[in-house]
Amino acid sequence: MKPASQYTVTTLGNGARVATAWMPHMRGTSVGIWADVGGRHEKRDECGVAHFLEHLFFKGTASRSARELTAAVEGVGGYLNAYTTEDHTCYYAKADASHFATVAEVLLEMYLDAQFPEGEMEKEREVIREEILSLKDSPSQWAEDLLSESLWPRHPLGRPLTGTLESVERITRGHLLGFRERHYTGVNTLFTVAGPVSHEEVLRTVRRSLERLPRGKKSRPSAVAGRPSEVRVAAEETGQAHLALGFHTCSRTDPGRFALRLLSVMLGENMSSRLFQTLRERFGYCYSTQSSAVAFEESGALCVYTDLDPAKLARAVAAIRRECGRFTAREPGRNELRMAAQYAIGQTRLALDSSTQQSSWMAESLMALGRVVEPAEVEGALLAVTGAEVHACAKKVLCFEKAGAALVGPGVGAEALEKMVRW
C-alpha cells in the first residue's frame, strides 16, 4: 500500500492554490505567499519592478502601518521577510504554530491590501539604490550577475533583479500598480504552510481572503532567444579575481535534469568534487570553488565560480577545462556516481527537516510541475541515473566554445578572458 503523503493541495475557484505539509513534530510553522512571477516577466521599461514591488508590500496597508505589520509578527517571536527571483516572488514568515492565524493574517493583508503610498515609494527607491550599490562591494555576487548577463544577453534573464540605478529612477507608481494588476492574480498565487497545522485549519483561515483575488491569466515569461553567450569583465582593483563560467542546460522539467544535478555535484558542489580537489587541494590555486545548476521553464545553466590571485587565473581556467574534459571524455565511475547521488539525496533530506524548506519545496514543485513532488520520487530518479547519462549530459553541456564568462577583478580584459575560456 502506498504510504499517505504529508502534502495536501486545494485549488480554489479563482485558481489560487493552498498547499500544506503536515509536520506534527515541529514547534514552528512556516507560512508563505508565492506569486508565480518575477524579474523575467518584466517588460523592457520595467527592469527592477518585480523587486521594487516586493519591497513596497511591507510599507503599509489600509489599516496598518509598516511598523505595525512587522510588529504583529515579531511581537509573537516570529520573523517576516520576502525575496524576488527570476520567475517567482515569495513573502514568508515563521512563528510558533500557536500564532499561525496571526502570521497568515499579516501576510494576506500585505498581499491583498498594500497601498504603495507615494512617500514610502520615494524612500524605498533610495533604499534600493543603496542595495544596488552594495552589490558592487560584493565582487562574487557582481560576477554572478555579470554571468547572467553574459548567458542571456539583452533578455530579462540577463538583467539584474534589483534593476539598475537608471531603471529604478524611471519606475513610477503606475508601473508598480500595472505589474501587480497583471500578475498578482488567483492563478498566479500559492499559499503554503508547513508545520503542525492541519490543512482544514489552513483553509478555514485563508480561503475567504484568497478568494478576493481576481482569477486573471497565467503569466508567461519572455521566450529565451537563441543569442550566443558573451563575456563580461568589470576591471576593478579587488584583491582577487572573481571568475564565473556558465553553460546553457535543460529546463526544470527536462528528464535530463537528474543527470545534470549529479554532474554538478561531481564537478564542484562539495569538497570531494573534482574541481575542489584539483584547484584547491592539488594546486592551491584558490580558497573556494563551487558549481551549481539553475533551471527555468525552458532553459537553465550550469555555473562554476572561483576567486583567486589574478596571476593564477589562466592556470585555473586551464585546470577547469581539463576537469570538464574528463567528464566529456568518459563516464564517471560507479563509486563516484553513487557518492554523488547519496550526497544529493542527503542534502535534500537534511533541508526538508526545515519547515521553511518544506514550504519552498511545495511551492517550487507546484510552479514547475503543477503538483507537489514526493521526495522519494526525486531520490529514485537520482539513484537511477547512469554513468552513460552523465557522460551524454556533459558532452552536450560542457562546451567551452559557447560558454558564458564573467570576471570582476584587475588585470584581465574581456578579450583575454575570452581567449582563456574559449580557445
Protein backbone atom coordinates (compact mmCIF):
# COMPACT_ATOMS: atom_id res chain seq x y z
CA MET A 1 0.00 0.00 0.00
CA LYS A 2 1.30 3.43 -0.94
CA PRO A 3 2.07 5.49 2.20
CA ALA A 4 -0.07 8.56 2.82
CA SER A 5 1.53 11.80 1.67
CA GLN A 6 2.27 14.60 4.12
CA TYR A 7 1.28 17.06 1.38
CA THR A 8 -2.24 18.27 0.62
CA VAL A 9 -3.24 20.76 -2.08
CA THR A 10 -6.55 22.53 -2.66
CA THR A 11 -7.26 24.72 -5.69
CA LEU A 12 -9.80 27.48 -5.04
CA GLY A 13 -12.37 28.68 -7.52
CA ASN A 14 -10.21 31.58 -8.70
CA GLY A 15 -7.22 29.31 -9.33
CA ALA A 16 -5.29 30.16 -6.15
CA ARG A 17 -3.72 27.08 -4.59
CA VAL A 18 -3.32 26.23 -0.92
CA ALA A 19 -0.68 23.61 -0.08
CA THR A 20 0.25 22.21 3.32
CA ALA A 21 2.95 19.91 4.66
CA TRP A 22 1.88 18.15 7.85
CA MET A 23 4.83 18.19 10.29
CA PRO A 24 3.36 17.30 13.71
CA HIS A 25 6.79 17.02 15.35
CA MET A 26 7.63 20.68 14.72
CA ARG A 27 7.04 23.60 17.06
CA GLY A 28 7.24 26.34 14.47
CA THR A 29 5.16 26.88 11.34
CA SER A 30 6.40 28.38 8.09
CA VAL A 31 3.89 30.29 6.01
CA GLY A 32 4.41 31.67 2.51
CA ILE A 33 2.51 33.50 -0.18
CA TRP A 34 4.06 33.00 -3.60
CA ALA A 35 3.44 34.98 -6.77
CA ASP A 36 4.41 32.90 -9.80
CA VAL A 37 6.06 35.92 -11.37
CA GLY A 38 9.50 37.51 -11.12
CA GLY A 39 12.12 39.53 -12.91
CA ARG A 40 11.85 37.68 -16.20
CA HIS A 41 8.20 38.73 -16.56
CA GLU A 42 9.12 42.42 -16.72
CA LYS A 43 8.71 44.46 -19.89
CA ARG A 44 11.69 46.30 -21.34
CA ASP A 45 10.86 49.52 -19.45
CA GLU A 46 10.14 47.69 -16.16
CA CYS A 47 13.59 46.43 -15.15
CA GLY A 48 13.51 46.13 -11.35
CA VAL A 49 9.73 46.49 -10.97
CA ALA A 50 9.14 43.00 -9.51
CA HIS A 51 11.77 43.59 -6.83
CA PHE A 52 10.61 47.18 -6.13
CA LEU A 53 7.06 45.88 -5.72
CA GLU A 54 8.24 43.24 -3.23
CA HIS A 55 9.75 45.99 -1.06
CA LEU A 56 6.58 48.06 -1.13
CA PHE A 57 4.30 45.27 0.09
CA PHE A 58 5.86 45.86 3.51
CA LYS A 59 5.11 49.61 3.56
CA GLY A 60 1.62 49.61 4.98
CA THR A 61 -1.98 48.67 4.27
CA ALA A 62 -5.27 50.50 4.70
CA SER A 63 -5.40 49.51 8.37
CA ARG A 64 -1.75 49.02 9.47
CA SER A 65 1.49 50.92 9.07
CA ALA A 66 4.74 49.26 8.01
CA ARG A 67 5.87 49.10 11.63
CA GLU A 68 2.56 47.61 12.78
CA LEU A 69 2.79 44.85 10.18
CA THR A 70 6.25 43.71 11.25
CA ALA A 71 5.48 44.20 14.95
CA ALA A 72 2.46 41.89 14.69
CA VAL A 73 4.75 39.01 13.68
CA GLU A 74 7.88 39.92 15.63
CA GLY A 75 5.78 40.61 18.69
CA VAL A 76 4.93 36.90 18.93
CA GLY A 77 8.55 35.83 18.37
CA GLY A 78 8.32 35.31 14.62
CA TYR A 79 10.03 36.84 11.60
CA LEU A 80 8.81 38.23 8.30
CA ASN A 81 10.66 38.62 5.00
CA ALA A 82 10.47 38.32 1.21
CA TYR A 83 12.61 37.77 -1.87
CA THR A 84 12.37 38.06 -5.64
CA THR A 85 13.80 35.60 -8.16
CA GLU A 86 13.77 35.43 -11.93
CA ASP A 87 10.47 33.54 -12.02
CA HIS A 88 8.72 33.95 -8.67
CA THR A 89 8.34 36.21 -5.65
CA CYS A 90 7.88 34.94 -2.10
CA TYR A 91 6.52 36.65 1.02
CA TYR A 92 7.10 34.46 4.05
CA ALA A 93 7.01 34.29 7.81
CA LYS A 94 7.66 31.80 10.57
CA ALA A 95 6.41 31.67 14.14
CA ASP A 96 5.25 29.27 16.82
CA ALA A 97 2.34 27.24 15.47
CA SER A 98 0.01 28.73 18.08
CA HIS A 99 0.36 32.04 16.24
CA PHE A 100 -0.40 30.69 12.77
CA ALA A 101 -3.60 32.72 12.40
CA THR A 102 -1.78 35.97 13.21
CA VAL A 103 1.02 35.29 10.74
CA ALA A 104 -1.43 34.29 7.99
CA GLU A 105 -3.50 37.41 8.61
CA VAL A 106 -0.48 39.71 8.28
CA LEU A 107 0.78 38.08 5.08
CA LEU A 108 -2.66 38.13 3.49
CA GLU A 109 -3.21 41.75 4.46
CA MET A 110 0.10 42.73 2.87
CA TYR A 111 -0.54 40.71 -0.27
CA LEU A 112 -4.10 41.90 -0.80
CA ASP A 113 -4.21 45.41 0.65
CA ALA A 114 -0.76 47.02 0.28
CA GLN A 115 -1.27 50.71 -0.51
CA PHE A 116 2.07 51.84 -2.01
CA PRO A 117 1.98 55.40 -0.62
CA GLU A 118 4.00 57.89 -2.69
CA GLY A 119 6.17 58.96 0.24
CA GLU A 120 7.12 55.39 1.07
CA MET A 121 7.82 54.69 -2.58
CA GLU A 122 10.37 57.50 -2.78
CA LYS A 123 12.09 56.39 0.42
CA GLU A 124 12.23 52.81 -0.83
CA ARG A 125 13.67 53.99 -4.12
CA GLU A 126 16.62 55.30 -2.11
CA VAL A 127 16.86 52.02 -0.18
CA ILE A 128 17.01 50.05 -3.43
CA ARG A 129 19.69 52.37 -4.78
CA GLU A 130 21.76 51.53 -1.70
CA GLU A 131 21.07 47.83 -2.27
CA ILE A 132 22.32 48.10 -5.86
CA LEU A 133 25.45 49.94 -4.78
CA SER A 134 26.11 47.39 -2.03
CA LEU A 135 26.29 44.63 -4.63
CA LYS A 136 29.38 46.32 -6.08
CA ASP A 137 31.02 45.78 -2.68
CA SER A 138 30.48 42.03 -3.10
CA PRO A 139 32.62 41.04 -6.10
CA SER A 140 31.44 37.42 -6.10
CA GLN A 141 27.79 38.49 -6.34
CA TRP A 142 28.72 41.02 -9.00
CA ALA A 143 30.41 38.29 -11.02
CA GLU A 144 27.29 36.12 -10.77
CA ASP A 145 25.13 38.99 -12.05
CA LEU A 146 27.54 39.58 -14.92
CA LEU A 147 27.42 35.87 -15.74
CA SER A 148 23.63 36.00 -16.06
CA GLU A 149 24.06 38.94 -18.43
CA SER A 150 26.61 37.00 -20.46
CA LEU A 151 24.43 33.87 -20.70
CA TRP A 152 21.22 35.69 -21.61
CA PRO A 153 22.30 38.98 -23.23
CA ARG A 154 19.55 41.53 -23.86
CA HIS A 155 16.94 39.26 -22.25
CA PRO A 156 15.12 39.63 -18.89
CA LEU A 157 17.02 36.63 -17.50
CA GLY A 158 20.23 38.56 -18.01
CA ARG A 159 19.08 41.72 -16.25
CA PRO A 160 19.76 42.38 -12.55
CA LEU A 161 16.75 41.58 -10.36
CA THR A 162 17.26 44.79 -8.41
CA GLY A 163 17.23 46.81 -11.61
CA THR A 164 19.92 49.38 -12.34
CA LEU A 165 20.36 52.83 -10.87
CA GLU A 166 18.92 54.25 -14.08
CA SER A 167 15.95 51.86 -14.37
CA VAL A 168 14.94 52.24 -10.71
CA GLU A 169 14.89 56.03 -11.17
CA ARG A 170 12.42 55.62 -14.04
CA ILE A 171 9.94 53.34 -12.20
CA THR A 172 6.64 55.07 -11.47
CA ARG A 173 3.73 54.14 -9.24
CA GLY A 174 1.86 53.35 -12.44
CA HIS A 175 4.48 50.73 -13.37
CA LEU A 176 4.07 49.10 -9.95
CA LEU A 177 0.28 49.11 -9.96
CA GLY A 178 0.16 47.82 -13.52
CA PHE A 179 2.55 44.96 -12.77
CA ARG A 180 0.54 43.96 -9.70
CA GLU A 181 -2.76 44.11 -11.60
CA ARG A 182 -1.42 41.92 -14.43
CA HIS A 183 0.37 39.32 -12.37
CA TYR A 184 -0.83 39.21 -8.75
CA THR A 185 -3.91 37.15 -9.58
CA GLY A 186 -5.53 33.96 -8.37
CA VAL A 187 -3.98 31.64 -10.95
CA ASN A 188 -0.52 33.02 -10.12
CA THR A 189 -0.87 32.73 -6.32
CA LEU A 190 0.09 29.93 -3.94
CA PHE A 191 -0.31 29.85 -0.17
CA THR A 192 1.90 27.31 1.61
CA VAL A 193 2.05 26.18 5.22
CA ALA A 194 4.50 23.67 6.70
CA GLY A 195 4.25 22.66 10.34
CA PRO A 196 1.80 21.24 12.89
CA VAL A 197 -1.25 22.94 11.39
CA SER A 198 -3.89 20.86 9.61
CA HIS A 199 -4.93 21.51 6.04
CA GLU A 200 -8.51 22.04 7.19
CA GLU A 201 -7.45 24.76 9.65
CA VAL A 202 -5.40 26.48 6.99
CA LEU A 203 -8.34 26.51 4.57
CA ARG A 204 -10.69 27.88 7.22
CA THR A 205 -8.22 30.67 7.92
CA VAL A 206 -7.24 31.76 4.42
CA ARG A 207 -9.94 30.73 1.92
CA ARG A 208 -12.14 33.81 2.17
CA SER A 209 -9.23 36.22 1.85
CA LEU A 210 -7.57 34.41 -1.07
CA GLU A 211 -10.86 34.23 -2.96
CA ARG A 212 -10.83 38.03 -3.16
CA LEU A 213 -8.15 37.79 -5.83
CA PRO A 214 -9.38 38.06 -9.41
CA ARG A 215 -8.73 34.86 -11.33
CA GLY A 216 -6.63 36.59 -14.00
CA LYS A 217 -4.45 34.90 -16.58
CA LYS A 218 -1.38 32.74 -16.12
CA SER A 219 1.70 34.91 -16.52
CA ARG A 220 4.06 33.84 -19.30
CA PRO A 221 7.68 34.98 -19.44
CA SER A 222 9.51 36.24 -22.48
CA ALA A 223 10.87 33.35 -24.53
CA VAL A 224 14.61 32.79 -24.43
CA ALA A 225 16.12 33.92 -27.72
CA GLY A 226 18.89 31.92 -29.34
CA ARG A 227 21.58 34.55 -28.80
CA PRO A 228 25.13 33.27 -28.22
CA SER A 229 26.71 33.69 -24.80
CA GLU A 230 29.10 36.58 -24.27
CA VAL A 231 31.99 37.58 -22.00
CA ARG A 232 31.74 40.32 -19.36
CA VAL A 233 34.58 41.89 -17.36
CA ALA A 234 34.46 44.53 -14.63
CA ALA A 235 38.02 45.76 -14.26
CA GLU A 236 38.10 46.52 -10.54
CA GLU A 237 41.07 46.79 -8.18
CA THR A 238 39.93 43.93 -5.97
CA GLY A 239 42.34 41.71 -4.07
CA GLN A 240 41.25 38.67 -6.06
CA ALA A 241 39.88 37.86 -9.48
CA HIS A 242 36.29 36.63 -9.14
CA LEU A 243 35.54 34.25 -12.01
CA ALA A 244 32.17 32.84 -13.10
CA LEU A 245 31.69 30.44 -16.01
CA GLY A 246 28.32 29.26 -17.31
CA PHE A 247 26.94 26.68 -19.74
CA HIS A 248 23.40 26.51 -21.08
CA THR A 249 21.45 23.47 -19.88
CA CYS A 250 18.00 21.91 -19.86
CA SER A 251 14.72 23.19 -18.41
CA ARG A 252 13.36 22.43 -14.94
CA THR A 253 11.03 19.74 -16.36
CA ASP A 254 13.51 18.01 -18.68
CA PRO A 255 14.13 14.32 -17.79
CA GLY A 256 17.86 15.03 -18.07
CA ARG A 257 17.80 17.34 -15.05
CA PHE A 258 18.72 14.49 -12.71
CA ALA A 259 21.87 13.62 -14.65
CA LEU A 260 22.71 17.33 -14.71
CA ARG A 261 22.38 17.54 -10.92
CA LEU A 262 24.82 14.68 -10.42
CA LEU A 263 27.21 16.20 -12.95
CA SER A 264 27.16 19.42 -10.92
CA VAL A 265 27.78 17.55 -7.66
CA MET A 266 30.76 15.69 -9.06
CA LEU A 267 32.13 18.77 -10.77
CA GLY A 268 32.19 21.17 -7.83
CA GLU A 269 29.41 21.09 -5.23
CA ASN A 270 31.45 19.71 -2.32
CA MET A 271 34.97 19.08 -1.07
CA SER A 272 35.08 15.65 -2.73
CA SER A 273 34.35 17.18 -6.13
CA ARG A 274 36.85 17.23 -8.95
CA LEU A 275 37.24 20.99 -9.08
CA PHE A 276 37.82 21.33 -5.33
CA GLN A 277 40.32 18.50 -5.31
CA THR A 278 42.18 19.93 -8.31
CA LEU A 279 42.02 23.70 -7.87
CA ARG A 280 42.45 23.83 -4.10
CA GLU A 281 43.86 20.55 -2.84
CA ARG A 282 46.26 19.70 -5.67
CA PHE A 283 47.40 23.11 -6.94
CA GLY A 284 46.41 25.56 -4.20
CA TYR A 285 45.03 27.99 -6.76
CA CYS A 286 42.09 29.15 -4.63
CA TYR A 287 40.43 29.00 -1.25
CA SER A 288 37.00 28.11 -2.58
CA THR A 289 35.39 26.88 -5.76
CA GLN A 290 31.92 25.60 -6.46
CA SER A 291 29.44 24.61 -9.13
CA SER A 292 25.67 24.94 -9.20
CA ALA A 293 22.77 24.27 -11.53
CA VAL A 294 19.83 26.61 -12.03
CA ALA A 295 16.72 25.74 -14.03
CA PHE A 296 13.90 27.79 -15.53
CA GLU A 297 10.77 26.99 -17.50
CA GLU A 298 12.56 26.38 -20.78
CA SER A 299 16.25 26.92 -20.05
CA GLY A 300 18.90 26.59 -17.39
CA ALA A 301 22.59 26.92 -16.63
CA LEU A 302 25.44 25.01 -15.04
CA CYS A 303 27.75 27.52 -13.38
CA VAL A 304 31.28 27.38 -11.94
CA TYR A 305 32.65 30.01 -9.54
CA THR A 306 36.05 30.63 -8.01
CA ASP A 307 38.06 33.54 -6.63
CA LEU A 308 41.83 33.64 -6.68
CA ASP A 309 45.01 35.63 -7.25
CA PRO A 310 44.78 37.18 -10.76
CA ALA A 311 48.24 35.77 -11.52
CA LYS A 312 46.79 32.25 -11.22
CA LEU A 313 43.72 32.88 -13.37
CA ALA A 314 44.97 31.42 -16.66
CA ARG A 315 46.24 28.28 -14.93
CA ALA A 316 42.98 27.88 -13.04
CA VAL A 317 40.88 28.22 -16.20
CA ALA A 318 43.07 25.64 -17.90
CA ALA A 319 42.57 23.27 -14.96
CA ILE A 320 38.79 23.79 -15.07
CA ARG A 321 38.81 22.99 -18.77
CA ARG A 322 40.79 19.80 -18.15
CA GLU A 323 38.41 18.61 -15.42
CA CYS A 324 35.39 19.30 -17.59
CA GLY A 325 37.16 17.49 -20.43
CA ARG A 326 37.42 14.39 -18.26
CA PHE A 327 33.63 14.31 -17.99
CA THR A 328 33.19 14.68 -21.75
CA ALA A 329 35.83 12.02 -22.47
CA ARG A 330 34.46 9.18 -20.34
CA GLU A 331 31.73 8.11 -17.96
CA PRO A 332 32.21 8.67 -14.23
CA GLY A 333 32.97 5.55 -12.23
CA ARG A 334 30.28 3.67 -10.34
CA ASN A 335 31.53 4.71 -6.90
CA GLU A 336 31.78 8.38 -7.80
CA LEU A 337 28.28 8.28 -9.27
CA ARG A 338 26.87 6.55 -6.18
CA MET A 339 28.53 9.08 -3.86
CA ALA A 340 27.11 11.97 -5.88
CA ALA A 341 23.59 10.53 -5.74
CA GLN A 342 23.83 9.93 -2.00
CA TYR A 343 25.14 13.44 -1.48
CA ALA A 344 22.25 15.00 -3.43
CA ILE A 345 19.73 12.83 -1.59
CA GLY A 346 21.26 13.53 1.81
CA GLN A 347 21.34 17.27 1.23
CA THR A 348 17.66 17.25 0.26
CA ARG A 349 16.67 15.16 3.28
CA LEU A 350 18.53 17.46 5.66
CA ALA A 351 16.97 20.54 4.06
CA LEU A 352 13.47 19.09 4.34
CA ASP A 353 13.89 18.76 8.10
CA SER A 354 13.14 22.50 8.00
CA SER A 355 9.56 23.71 7.75
CA THR A 356 10.81 26.68 5.71
CA GLN A 357 12.37 24.36 3.14
CA GLN A 358 9.23 22.21 3.07
CA SER A 359 7.22 25.33 2.25
CA SER A 360 9.62 26.13 -0.60
CA TRP A 361 9.56 22.53 -1.84
CA MET A 362 5.78 22.61 -2.22
CA ALA A 363 5.69 25.98 -3.95
CA GLU A 364 8.53 25.31 -6.35
CA SER A 365 7.09 21.90 -7.27
CA LEU A 366 3.66 23.36 -7.96
CA MET A 367 5.04 26.23 -10.01
CA ALA A 368 7.31 23.98 -12.06
CA LEU A 369 5.27 20.80 -12.45
CA GLY A 370 1.74 21.60 -11.30
CA ARG A 371 1.95 19.12 -8.42
CA VAL A 372 3.90 18.58 -5.22
CA VAL A 373 6.64 16.06 -5.95
CA GLU A 374 7.27 13.47 -3.28
CA PRO A 375 10.94 13.49 -2.17
CA ALA A 376 11.06 9.72 -2.66
CA GLU A 377 10.31 10.23 -6.35
CA VAL A 378 13.33 12.51 -6.73
CA GLU A 379 15.52 10.12 -4.76
CA GLY A 380 14.54 7.26 -7.05
CA ALA A 381 15.29 9.33 -10.14
CA LEU A 382 18.74 10.29 -8.83
CA LEU A 383 19.63 6.70 -7.95
CA ALA A 384 18.54 5.59 -11.43
CA VAL A 385 20.95 7.94 -13.25
CA THR A 386 23.64 6.02 -15.12
CA GLY A 387 27.20 6.95 -15.90
CA ALA A 388 26.30 6.97 -19.59
CA GLU A 389 23.59 9.57 -18.94
CA VAL A 390 26.01 11.83 -17.08
CA HIS A 391 28.55 11.41 -19.88
CA ALA A 392 25.95 12.33 -22.50
CA CYS A 393 24.87 15.34 -20.43
CA ALA A 394 28.49 16.51 -20.08
CA LYS A 395 29.15 16.24 -23.82
CA LYS A 396 26.03 18.28 -24.54
CA VAL A 397 26.54 20.93 -21.85
CA LEU A 398 30.27 21.45 -21.25
CA CYS A 399 31.04 23.26 -24.49
CA PHE A 400 33.58 26.00 -23.77
CA GLU A 401 33.27 27.47 -27.26
CA LYS A 402 29.72 28.51 -26.32
CA ALA A 403 30.29 29.23 -22.62
CA GLY A 404 29.40 32.47 -20.91
CA ALA A 405 32.10 34.03 -18.75
CA ALA A 406 32.34 36.89 -16.29
CA LEU A 407 35.15 38.34 -14.21
CA VAL A 408 35.40 41.01 -11.56
CA GLY A 409 38.99 41.95 -10.79
CA PRO A 410 42.19 43.57 -12.05
CA GLY A 411 44.49 42.96 -14.94
CA VAL A 412 42.39 40.94 -17.39
CA GLY A 413 40.28 42.33 -20.22
CA ALA A 414 37.32 40.72 -21.96
CA GLU A 415 39.40 39.66 -24.96
CA ALA A 416 41.99 37.92 -22.78
CA LEU A 417 39.31 36.16 -20.72
CA GLU A 418 37.53 35.00 -23.85
CA LYS A 419 40.78 33.56 -25.17
CA MET A 420 41.39 31.67 -21.89
CA VAL A 421 37.88 30.21 -21.83
CA ARG A 422 37.02 29.54 -25.46
CA TRP A 423 40.26 28.85 -27.34
